[in-house]
N, C-alpha and C. Protein backbone atom coordinates (compact mmCIF):
# COMPACT_ATOMS: atom_id res chain seq x y z
N MET A 1 -114.10 -17.09 13.95
CA MET A 1 -112.74 -16.99 14.41
C MET A 1 -112.40 -15.58 14.91
N THR A 2 -113.12 -14.60 14.51
CA THR A 2 -112.84 -13.25 14.94
C THR A 2 -112.96 -13.15 16.45
N GLY A 3 -111.98 -12.51 17.08
CA GLY A 3 -112.01 -12.32 18.51
C GLY A 3 -111.30 -13.39 19.31
N ARG A 4 -110.98 -14.53 18.69
CA ARG A 4 -110.27 -15.58 19.42
C ARG A 4 -108.79 -15.26 19.46
N ARG A 5 -108.19 -15.46 20.61
CA ARG A 5 -106.75 -15.27 20.75
C ARG A 5 -106.14 -16.58 21.19
N PHE A 6 -105.03 -16.92 20.59
CA PHE A 6 -104.33 -18.14 20.94
C PHE A 6 -103.06 -17.78 21.70
N ALA A 7 -102.78 -18.53 22.72
CA ALA A 7 -101.61 -18.28 23.54
C ALA A 7 -100.33 -18.57 22.76
N LEU A 8 -99.31 -17.77 23.01
CA LEU A 8 -98.01 -18.01 22.41
C LEU A 8 -97.32 -19.15 23.15
N PRO A 9 -96.48 -19.91 22.47
CA PRO A 9 -95.76 -20.99 23.15
C PRO A 9 -94.85 -20.40 24.23
N ILE A 10 -94.80 -21.06 25.36
CA ILE A 10 -93.98 -20.58 26.47
C ILE A 10 -93.40 -21.78 27.23
N HIS A 11 -92.13 -21.69 27.54
CA HIS A 11 -91.46 -22.74 28.32
C HIS A 11 -91.60 -22.38 29.80
N ARG A 12 -92.24 -23.24 30.54
CA ARG A 12 -92.33 -23.05 31.99
C ARG A 12 -91.16 -23.76 32.63
N PRO A 13 -90.78 -23.36 33.84
CA PRO A 13 -89.70 -24.06 34.55
C PRO A 13 -90.09 -25.51 34.87
N PRO A 14 -89.12 -26.32 35.25
CA PRO A 14 -89.41 -27.72 35.58
C PRO A 14 -90.46 -27.85 36.68
N GLY A 15 -91.29 -28.87 36.57
CA GLY A 15 -92.28 -29.16 37.60
C GLY A 15 -93.53 -28.29 37.56
N ALA A 16 -93.74 -27.55 36.47
CA ALA A 16 -94.89 -26.65 36.39
C ALA A 16 -96.20 -27.43 36.32
N VAL A 17 -97.19 -26.90 37.02
CA VAL A 17 -98.54 -27.46 36.95
C VAL A 17 -99.14 -27.05 35.60
N ASP A 18 -100.36 -27.54 35.29
CA ASP A 18 -100.96 -27.19 34.00
C ASP A 18 -101.12 -25.67 33.89
N GLU A 19 -101.19 -25.18 32.69
CA GLU A 19 -101.12 -23.73 32.43
C GLU A 19 -102.21 -22.93 33.11
N VAL A 20 -103.43 -23.41 33.12
CA VAL A 20 -104.51 -22.67 33.77
C VAL A 20 -104.22 -22.53 35.27
N ALA A 21 -103.85 -23.62 35.90
CA ALA A 21 -103.51 -23.58 37.32
C ALA A 21 -102.27 -22.74 37.56
N PHE A 22 -101.33 -22.78 36.63
CA PHE A 22 -100.10 -22.00 36.78
C PHE A 22 -100.41 -20.51 36.80
N GLN A 23 -101.16 -20.05 35.80
CA GLN A 23 -101.47 -18.62 35.73
C GLN A 23 -102.35 -18.17 36.89
N THR A 24 -103.23 -19.05 37.35
CA THR A 24 -104.11 -18.72 38.47
C THR A 24 -103.34 -18.68 39.78
N GLY A 25 -102.44 -19.63 40.00
CA GLY A 25 -101.75 -19.77 41.27
C GLY A 25 -100.47 -18.98 41.42
N CYS A 26 -99.80 -18.66 40.31
CA CYS A 26 -98.53 -17.95 40.38
C CYS A 26 -98.74 -16.54 40.92
N THR A 27 -97.98 -16.19 41.95
CA THR A 27 -98.11 -14.86 42.55
C THR A 27 -97.18 -13.84 41.89
N ARG A 28 -96.36 -14.29 40.94
CA ARG A 28 -95.43 -13.43 40.23
C ARG A 28 -94.41 -12.80 41.18
N CYS A 29 -94.04 -13.58 42.20
CA CYS A 29 -93.11 -13.10 43.23
C CYS A 29 -91.67 -13.04 42.74
N GLY A 30 -91.31 -13.88 41.77
CA GLY A 30 -89.96 -13.88 41.23
C GLY A 30 -88.96 -14.70 42.03
N GLU A 31 -89.41 -15.43 43.04
CA GLU A 31 -88.49 -16.21 43.85
C GLU A 31 -87.80 -17.31 43.03
N CYS A 32 -88.52 -17.92 42.09
CA CYS A 32 -87.91 -18.96 41.25
C CYS A 32 -86.85 -18.35 40.33
N VAL A 33 -87.09 -17.14 39.89
CA VAL A 33 -86.12 -16.43 39.05
C VAL A 33 -84.83 -16.22 39.83
N SER A 34 -84.96 -15.74 41.07
CA SER A 34 -83.79 -15.51 41.92
C SER A 34 -83.07 -16.81 42.26
N ALA A 35 -83.80 -17.89 42.39
CA ALA A 35 -83.22 -19.17 42.79
C ALA A 35 -82.46 -19.87 41.67
N CYS A 36 -82.74 -19.54 40.42
CA CYS A 36 -82.10 -20.24 39.29
C CYS A 36 -80.62 -19.88 39.22
N PRO A 37 -79.73 -20.86 39.37
CA PRO A 37 -78.29 -20.57 39.41
C PRO A 37 -77.69 -20.14 38.06
N VAL A 38 -78.39 -20.38 36.97
CA VAL A 38 -77.84 -20.01 35.66
C VAL A 38 -78.64 -18.92 34.96
N GLY A 39 -79.63 -18.38 35.63
CA GLY A 39 -80.42 -17.30 35.04
C GLY A 39 -81.31 -17.75 33.90
N ALA A 40 -81.66 -19.03 33.87
CA ALA A 40 -82.51 -19.54 32.80
C ALA A 40 -83.97 -19.12 32.96
N ILE A 41 -84.39 -18.85 34.19
CA ILE A 41 -85.77 -18.45 34.43
C ILE A 41 -85.84 -16.93 34.41
N VAL A 42 -86.73 -16.42 33.58
CA VAL A 42 -86.94 -14.98 33.45
C VAL A 42 -88.43 -14.69 33.58
N ILE A 43 -88.77 -13.42 33.62
CA ILE A 43 -90.16 -13.01 33.69
C ILE A 43 -90.70 -12.85 32.26
N ALA A 44 -91.85 -13.45 31.99
CA ALA A 44 -92.46 -13.38 30.66
C ALA A 44 -92.82 -11.94 30.31
N PRO A 45 -92.41 -11.47 29.13
CA PRO A 45 -92.73 -10.10 28.72
C PRO A 45 -94.20 -9.95 28.31
N GLU A 46 -94.60 -8.72 28.06
CA GLU A 46 -95.98 -8.39 27.72
C GLU A 46 -96.52 -9.13 26.50
N LYS A 47 -95.65 -9.50 25.54
CA LYS A 47 -96.14 -10.20 24.35
C LYS A 47 -96.80 -11.54 24.69
N PHE A 48 -96.57 -12.03 25.90
CA PHE A 48 -97.18 -13.28 26.32
C PHE A 48 -98.54 -13.07 26.98
N ARG A 49 -99.09 -11.88 26.80
CA ARG A 49 -100.45 -11.52 27.24
C ARG A 49 -100.74 -11.92 28.67
N GLU A 50 -101.68 -12.85 28.88
CA GLU A 50 -102.10 -13.25 30.22
C GLU A 50 -100.95 -13.84 31.04
N ALA A 51 -99.95 -14.39 30.35
CA ALA A 51 -98.82 -14.99 31.05
C ALA A 51 -97.74 -13.96 31.41
N ALA A 52 -97.88 -12.74 30.96
CA ALA A 52 -96.89 -11.69 31.25
C ALA A 52 -96.69 -11.58 32.76
N GLY A 53 -95.42 -11.48 33.14
CA GLY A 53 -95.09 -11.35 34.56
C GLY A 53 -94.85 -12.67 35.27
N THR A 54 -95.16 -13.78 34.61
CA THR A 54 -94.95 -15.09 35.21
C THR A 54 -93.58 -15.63 34.78
N PRO A 55 -93.04 -16.59 35.52
CA PRO A 55 -91.73 -17.14 35.16
C PRO A 55 -91.77 -18.04 33.93
N MET A 56 -90.72 -17.95 33.15
CA MET A 56 -90.58 -18.79 31.96
C MET A 56 -89.10 -19.06 31.73
N ILE A 57 -88.83 -20.04 30.90
CA ILE A 57 -87.46 -20.32 30.47
C ILE A 57 -87.30 -19.67 29.10
N ASP A 58 -86.32 -18.78 28.98
CA ASP A 58 -86.03 -18.14 27.70
C ASP A 58 -84.81 -18.82 27.11
N LEU A 59 -85.05 -19.78 26.22
CA LEU A 59 -83.95 -20.57 25.67
C LEU A 59 -82.99 -19.75 24.83
N GLN A 60 -83.40 -18.58 24.38
CA GLN A 60 -82.49 -17.71 23.63
C GLN A 60 -81.46 -17.08 24.57
N ALA A 61 -81.82 -16.95 25.84
CA ALA A 61 -80.92 -16.34 26.83
C ALA A 61 -80.07 -17.38 27.55
N SER A 62 -80.70 -18.45 28.04
CA SER A 62 -79.97 -19.46 28.81
C SER A 62 -80.80 -20.73 28.91
N ALA A 63 -80.16 -21.85 28.73
CA ALA A 63 -80.85 -23.14 28.86
C ALA A 63 -80.97 -23.51 30.33
N CYS A 64 -81.96 -24.32 30.64
CA CYS A 64 -82.12 -24.89 31.98
C CYS A 64 -81.12 -26.04 32.09
N ILE A 65 -80.37 -26.09 33.16
CA ILE A 65 -79.37 -27.15 33.30
C ILE A 65 -79.88 -28.35 34.08
N MET A 66 -81.15 -28.38 34.42
CA MET A 66 -81.78 -29.50 35.11
C MET A 66 -81.09 -29.80 36.44
N CYS A 67 -81.01 -28.80 37.29
CA CYS A 67 -80.38 -28.95 38.62
C CYS A 67 -81.00 -30.12 39.37
N GLU A 68 -80.16 -30.94 39.96
CA GLU A 68 -80.67 -32.08 40.73
C GLU A 68 -81.51 -31.65 41.92
N ASP A 69 -81.13 -30.54 42.56
CA ASP A 69 -81.83 -30.09 43.75
C ASP A 69 -83.00 -29.14 43.44
N THR A 70 -83.26 -28.87 42.18
CA THR A 70 -84.36 -28.02 41.71
C THR A 70 -84.65 -26.82 42.63
N PRO A 71 -83.71 -25.87 42.71
CA PRO A 71 -83.92 -24.71 43.58
C PRO A 71 -85.14 -23.87 43.17
N CYS A 72 -85.50 -23.89 41.91
CA CYS A 72 -86.68 -23.14 41.47
C CYS A 72 -87.95 -23.71 42.10
N ILE A 73 -88.02 -25.03 42.19
CA ILE A 73 -89.19 -25.67 42.79
C ILE A 73 -89.22 -25.40 44.29
N THR A 74 -88.07 -25.50 44.95
CA THR A 74 -87.99 -25.24 46.38
C THR A 74 -88.41 -23.81 46.70
N ALA A 75 -88.05 -22.87 45.83
CA ALA A 75 -88.36 -21.45 46.07
C ALA A 75 -89.82 -21.09 45.79
N CYS A 76 -90.56 -21.96 45.13
CA CYS A 76 -91.93 -21.65 44.71
C CYS A 76 -92.92 -21.86 45.86
N VAL A 77 -93.21 -20.78 46.58
CA VAL A 77 -94.13 -20.85 47.71
C VAL A 77 -95.57 -21.15 47.28
N PRO A 78 -96.07 -20.54 46.18
CA PRO A 78 -97.46 -20.85 45.81
C PRO A 78 -97.66 -22.28 45.28
N GLY A 79 -96.58 -23.00 45.00
CA GLY A 79 -96.68 -24.39 44.60
C GLY A 79 -97.07 -24.63 43.15
N VAL A 80 -96.81 -23.68 42.26
CA VAL A 80 -97.10 -23.92 40.85
C VAL A 80 -95.93 -24.64 40.17
N LEU A 81 -94.79 -24.70 40.85
CA LEU A 81 -93.67 -25.55 40.47
C LEU A 81 -93.59 -26.60 41.56
N ARG A 82 -93.74 -27.87 41.17
CA ARG A 82 -93.86 -28.93 42.17
C ARG A 82 -92.92 -30.09 41.88
N ALA A 83 -92.33 -30.61 42.94
CA ALA A 83 -91.40 -31.74 42.82
C ALA A 83 -92.10 -33.02 42.39
N ASP A 84 -93.41 -33.12 42.64
CA ASP A 84 -94.13 -34.34 42.26
C ASP A 84 -94.65 -34.29 40.82
N ARG A 85 -94.34 -33.22 40.10
CA ARG A 85 -94.73 -33.09 38.70
C ARG A 85 -93.55 -33.47 37.81
N PRO A 86 -93.84 -33.92 36.59
CA PRO A 86 -92.74 -34.21 35.66
C PRO A 86 -91.89 -32.95 35.42
N LYS A 87 -90.61 -33.16 35.24
CA LYS A 87 -89.69 -32.03 35.02
C LYS A 87 -89.66 -31.61 33.55
N ARG A 88 -90.50 -32.22 32.73
CA ARG A 88 -90.53 -31.91 31.30
C ARG A 88 -91.10 -30.52 31.04
N MET A 89 -90.39 -29.75 30.23
CA MET A 89 -90.80 -28.41 29.84
C MET A 89 -91.16 -28.36 28.36
N GLY A 90 -90.60 -29.29 27.62
CA GLY A 90 -90.79 -29.29 26.18
C GLY A 90 -90.11 -30.50 25.58
N VAL A 91 -89.84 -30.40 24.29
CA VAL A 91 -89.15 -31.49 23.60
C VAL A 91 -88.29 -30.89 22.48
N ALA A 92 -87.15 -31.52 22.26
CA ALA A 92 -86.23 -31.06 21.22
C ALA A 92 -86.26 -32.00 20.03
N TRP A 93 -85.96 -31.44 18.87
CA TRP A 93 -85.84 -32.23 17.64
C TRP A 93 -84.59 -31.80 16.90
N VAL A 94 -83.94 -32.75 16.25
CA VAL A 94 -82.79 -32.45 15.40
C VAL A 94 -83.31 -32.12 14.01
N GLN A 95 -82.95 -30.95 13.53
CA GLN A 95 -83.28 -30.57 12.16
C GLN A 95 -82.12 -31.05 11.29
N THR A 96 -82.31 -32.21 10.66
CA THR A 96 -81.21 -32.90 10.00
C THR A 96 -80.55 -32.09 8.89
N MET A 97 -81.27 -31.24 8.22
CA MET A 97 -80.67 -30.46 7.13
C MET A 97 -79.66 -29.43 7.65
N ALA A 98 -79.76 -29.06 8.92
CA ALA A 98 -78.84 -28.09 9.51
C ALA A 98 -77.77 -28.75 10.38
N CYS A 99 -78.00 -29.99 10.76
CA CYS A 99 -77.10 -30.69 11.69
C CYS A 99 -75.78 -31.06 11.01
N LEU A 100 -74.67 -30.67 11.63
CA LEU A 100 -73.36 -30.98 11.06
C LEU A 100 -73.15 -32.48 10.90
N ALA A 101 -73.56 -33.25 11.90
CA ALA A 101 -73.38 -34.70 11.84
C ALA A 101 -74.20 -35.33 10.72
N HIS A 102 -75.36 -34.78 10.46
CA HIS A 102 -76.22 -35.31 9.40
C HIS A 102 -75.79 -34.84 8.02
N THR A 103 -74.94 -33.82 7.96
CA THR A 103 -74.53 -33.30 6.66
C THR A 103 -73.06 -33.55 6.36
N GLY A 104 -72.45 -34.50 7.11
CA GLY A 104 -71.11 -34.94 6.74
C GLY A 104 -69.96 -34.51 7.63
N THR A 105 -70.21 -33.74 8.66
CA THR A 105 -69.14 -33.32 9.57
C THR A 105 -69.33 -34.04 10.91
N ALA A 106 -68.25 -34.53 11.48
CA ALA A 106 -68.35 -35.19 12.77
C ALA A 106 -68.69 -34.17 13.86
N CYS A 107 -69.76 -34.43 14.58
CA CYS A 107 -70.16 -33.55 15.68
C CYS A 107 -71.10 -34.32 16.60
N THR A 108 -70.79 -34.33 17.88
CA THR A 108 -71.66 -34.98 18.87
C THR A 108 -71.83 -34.10 20.10
N LEU A 109 -71.57 -32.82 19.96
CA LEU A 109 -71.58 -31.90 21.09
C LEU A 109 -72.92 -31.90 21.83
N CYS A 110 -74.02 -31.92 21.10
CA CYS A 110 -75.33 -31.89 21.75
C CYS A 110 -75.53 -33.10 22.67
N SER A 111 -75.16 -34.27 22.20
CA SER A 111 -75.34 -35.47 23.02
C SER A 111 -74.35 -35.51 24.18
N GLU A 112 -73.16 -34.97 23.98
CA GLU A 112 -72.16 -34.93 25.05
C GLU A 112 -72.58 -34.02 26.19
N LYS A 113 -73.25 -32.93 25.89
CA LYS A 113 -73.60 -31.93 26.90
C LYS A 113 -75.00 -32.11 27.49
N CYS A 114 -75.80 -32.98 26.91
CA CYS A 114 -77.17 -33.20 27.40
C CYS A 114 -77.15 -33.62 28.86
N PRO A 115 -77.87 -32.89 29.76
CA PRO A 115 -77.85 -33.23 31.18
C PRO A 115 -78.85 -34.32 31.59
N VAL A 116 -79.62 -34.82 30.63
CA VAL A 116 -80.67 -35.79 30.95
C VAL A 116 -80.25 -37.17 30.44
N PRO A 117 -79.92 -38.08 31.35
CA PRO A 117 -79.49 -39.43 30.93
C PRO A 117 -80.55 -40.10 30.05
N GLY A 118 -80.10 -40.60 28.90
CA GLY A 118 -80.99 -41.33 28.00
C GLY A 118 -81.81 -40.47 27.05
N ALA A 119 -81.67 -39.15 27.13
CA ALA A 119 -82.46 -38.28 26.25
C ALA A 119 -81.89 -38.22 24.84
N MET A 120 -80.58 -38.41 24.73
CA MET A 120 -79.93 -38.38 23.41
C MET A 120 -78.96 -39.54 23.29
N GLU A 121 -78.80 -39.99 22.06
CA GLU A 121 -77.77 -40.97 21.76
C GLU A 121 -77.26 -40.71 20.36
N VAL A 122 -76.09 -41.22 20.08
CA VAL A 122 -75.50 -41.07 18.76
C VAL A 122 -75.55 -42.43 18.07
N ILE A 123 -76.19 -42.46 16.92
CA ILE A 123 -76.31 -43.68 16.13
C ILE A 123 -75.66 -43.41 14.77
N ASP A 124 -74.66 -44.22 14.44
CA ASP A 124 -73.91 -44.05 13.19
C ASP A 124 -73.39 -42.62 13.04
N GLY A 125 -72.93 -42.05 14.16
CA GLY A 125 -72.34 -40.72 14.13
C GLY A 125 -73.34 -39.57 14.13
N LYS A 126 -74.63 -39.89 14.23
CA LYS A 126 -75.66 -38.85 14.16
C LYS A 126 -76.48 -38.82 15.45
N PRO A 127 -76.71 -37.61 15.99
CA PRO A 127 -77.47 -37.52 17.23
C PRO A 127 -78.95 -37.85 17.00
N ARG A 128 -79.51 -38.52 18.00
CA ARG A 128 -80.93 -38.85 17.98
C ARG A 128 -81.51 -38.50 19.34
N ILE A 129 -82.63 -37.80 19.34
CA ILE A 129 -83.29 -37.41 20.58
C ILE A 129 -84.42 -38.38 20.87
N HIS A 130 -84.47 -38.84 22.09
CA HIS A 130 -85.58 -39.70 22.52
C HIS A 130 -86.64 -38.78 23.13
N GLU A 131 -87.66 -38.50 22.36
CA GLU A 131 -88.67 -37.52 22.74
C GLU A 131 -89.38 -37.87 24.05
N ASN A 132 -89.48 -39.16 24.35
CA ASN A 132 -90.16 -39.57 25.58
C ASN A 132 -89.30 -39.35 26.83
N VAL A 133 -88.00 -39.07 26.65
CA VAL A 133 -87.09 -38.82 27.77
C VAL A 133 -86.67 -37.34 27.82
N CYS A 134 -86.59 -36.70 26.69
CA CYS A 134 -86.17 -35.30 26.59
C CYS A 134 -87.05 -34.41 27.47
N THR A 135 -86.41 -33.48 28.19
CA THR A 135 -87.15 -32.55 29.05
C THR A 135 -87.38 -31.19 28.41
N GLY A 136 -86.75 -30.96 27.25
CA GLY A 136 -86.87 -29.65 26.60
C GLY A 136 -86.07 -28.58 27.30
N CYS A 137 -85.00 -28.97 27.99
CA CYS A 137 -84.20 -28.01 28.76
C CYS A 137 -83.46 -27.01 27.88
N GLY A 138 -83.12 -27.42 26.65
CA GLY A 138 -82.47 -26.51 25.71
C GLY A 138 -80.96 -26.53 25.69
N VAL A 139 -80.34 -27.36 26.51
CA VAL A 139 -78.88 -27.41 26.53
C VAL A 139 -78.35 -27.82 25.15
N CYS A 140 -78.96 -28.80 24.52
CA CYS A 140 -78.50 -29.26 23.20
C CYS A 140 -78.53 -28.12 22.18
N SER A 141 -79.56 -27.33 22.22
CA SER A 141 -79.69 -26.20 21.31
C SER A 141 -78.65 -25.12 21.62
N ALA A 142 -78.42 -24.89 22.90
CA ALA A 142 -77.46 -23.86 23.32
C ALA A 142 -76.03 -24.17 22.88
N VAL A 143 -75.67 -25.45 22.82
CA VAL A 143 -74.30 -25.82 22.47
C VAL A 143 -74.12 -26.17 21.00
N CYS A 144 -75.18 -26.20 20.23
CA CYS A 144 -75.09 -26.59 18.82
C CYS A 144 -74.20 -25.60 18.05
N PRO A 145 -73.12 -26.11 17.43
CA PRO A 145 -72.20 -25.22 16.72
C PRO A 145 -72.56 -24.99 15.24
N ALA A 146 -73.62 -25.59 14.77
CA ALA A 146 -73.97 -25.45 13.35
C ALA A 146 -74.27 -23.99 13.01
N PRO A 147 -73.94 -23.56 11.80
CA PRO A 147 -74.21 -22.18 11.39
C PRO A 147 -75.68 -21.77 11.56
N THR A 148 -76.57 -22.68 11.25
CA THR A 148 -77.99 -22.51 11.53
C THR A 148 -78.31 -23.56 12.58
N ASN A 149 -78.71 -23.14 13.77
CA ASN A 149 -78.92 -24.08 14.87
C ASN A 149 -79.75 -25.27 14.41
N ALA A 150 -79.24 -26.46 14.67
CA ALA A 150 -79.89 -27.68 14.20
C ALA A 150 -80.87 -28.27 15.20
N ILE A 151 -81.01 -27.65 16.36
CA ILE A 151 -81.92 -28.17 17.37
C ILE A 151 -83.09 -27.22 17.57
N LEU A 152 -84.27 -27.75 17.41
CA LEU A 152 -85.50 -26.99 17.64
C LEU A 152 -86.10 -27.50 18.94
N VAL A 153 -86.38 -26.60 19.87
CA VAL A 153 -86.97 -26.98 21.14
C VAL A 153 -88.32 -26.29 21.26
N MET A 154 -89.35 -27.10 21.46
CA MET A 154 -90.70 -26.55 21.59
C MET A 154 -91.25 -26.86 22.98
N PRO A 155 -92.03 -25.92 23.54
CA PRO A 155 -92.63 -26.17 24.85
C PRO A 155 -93.71 -27.23 24.75
N LEU A 156 -94.06 -27.81 25.89
CA LEU A 156 -95.13 -28.79 25.91
C LEU A 156 -96.45 -28.14 25.49
N ALA A 157 -97.30 -28.93 24.90
CA ALA A 157 -98.56 -28.41 24.37
C ALA A 157 -99.48 -27.84 25.46
N ASP A 158 -99.38 -28.33 26.68
CA ASP A 158 -100.28 -27.81 27.72
C ASP A 158 -99.70 -26.61 28.45
N ARG A 159 -98.61 -26.04 27.94
CA ARG A 159 -98.02 -24.86 28.57
C ARG A 159 -97.67 -23.81 27.55
N PRO A 160 -98.49 -22.92 27.11
CA PRO A 160 -99.94 -22.85 27.22
C PRO A 160 -100.64 -23.09 25.90
N MET A 161 -100.02 -23.76 24.95
CA MET A 161 -100.61 -23.89 23.61
C MET A 161 -101.87 -24.72 23.56
N GLY A 162 -102.27 -25.34 24.64
CA GLY A 162 -103.41 -26.24 24.60
C GLY A 162 -104.77 -25.58 24.47
N GLY A 163 -104.88 -24.28 24.60
CA GLY A 163 -106.20 -23.68 24.55
C GLY A 163 -106.18 -22.31 23.93
N ALA A 164 -107.38 -21.79 23.74
CA ALA A 164 -107.53 -20.47 23.17
C ALA A 164 -108.04 -19.52 24.24
N GLY A 165 -107.60 -18.30 24.15
CA GLY A 165 -108.07 -17.27 25.07
C GLY A 165 -109.19 -16.50 24.43
N GLY A 166 -110.00 -15.83 25.21
CA GLY A 166 -111.15 -15.13 24.66
C GLY A 166 -111.00 -13.73 24.60
C-alpha cells in the first residue's frame, strides 16, 4: 500500500465525461466557470492533486441549479462536458437523525426547492430521495435549515473516486 494515492471525491459539472478523459481533455480554460450563472463551478484547488485547476462544483459555496440550457456544457470547447452525457454529478441522502422532519418538526424545504422532477418526495411528512433520479446538484443540502445539515451529497464514484493514483 505504500506509495498509492487515492483521489479525493470531487463533484464535476453536469455532463462530465469519465474522470480519466476529463483530466486528459480539460484545457483548464475556465469557460465553464464563467458561464455558470450562480457561481457553482469553481476551479479545483491544489488539494485535489492531479485534478487541481479543473472545474468542479463546490457545494459548500453554491449548489448547481440544473440550468435547462446548460451554459457550462455549451461553453466547454474541449468537450469534457457534454450534452449527450447524464447530468448526474452525485447523489444525496437524508441523514434522518439530523433531519427536522424525521425528528418531529414539520419541514419539507428540501423537496420544495429540488430542481429535479421526481428526485424527492415527501412520504408521511418525511423527505425521501430517489437515488436513481437525484443528480447530486446540492440544492437540497443548501436549503436544509436543520442545525446540523441533514443532507449528505456525495460525488459519483467515477469522478474521481473510482481509481487510485500512483
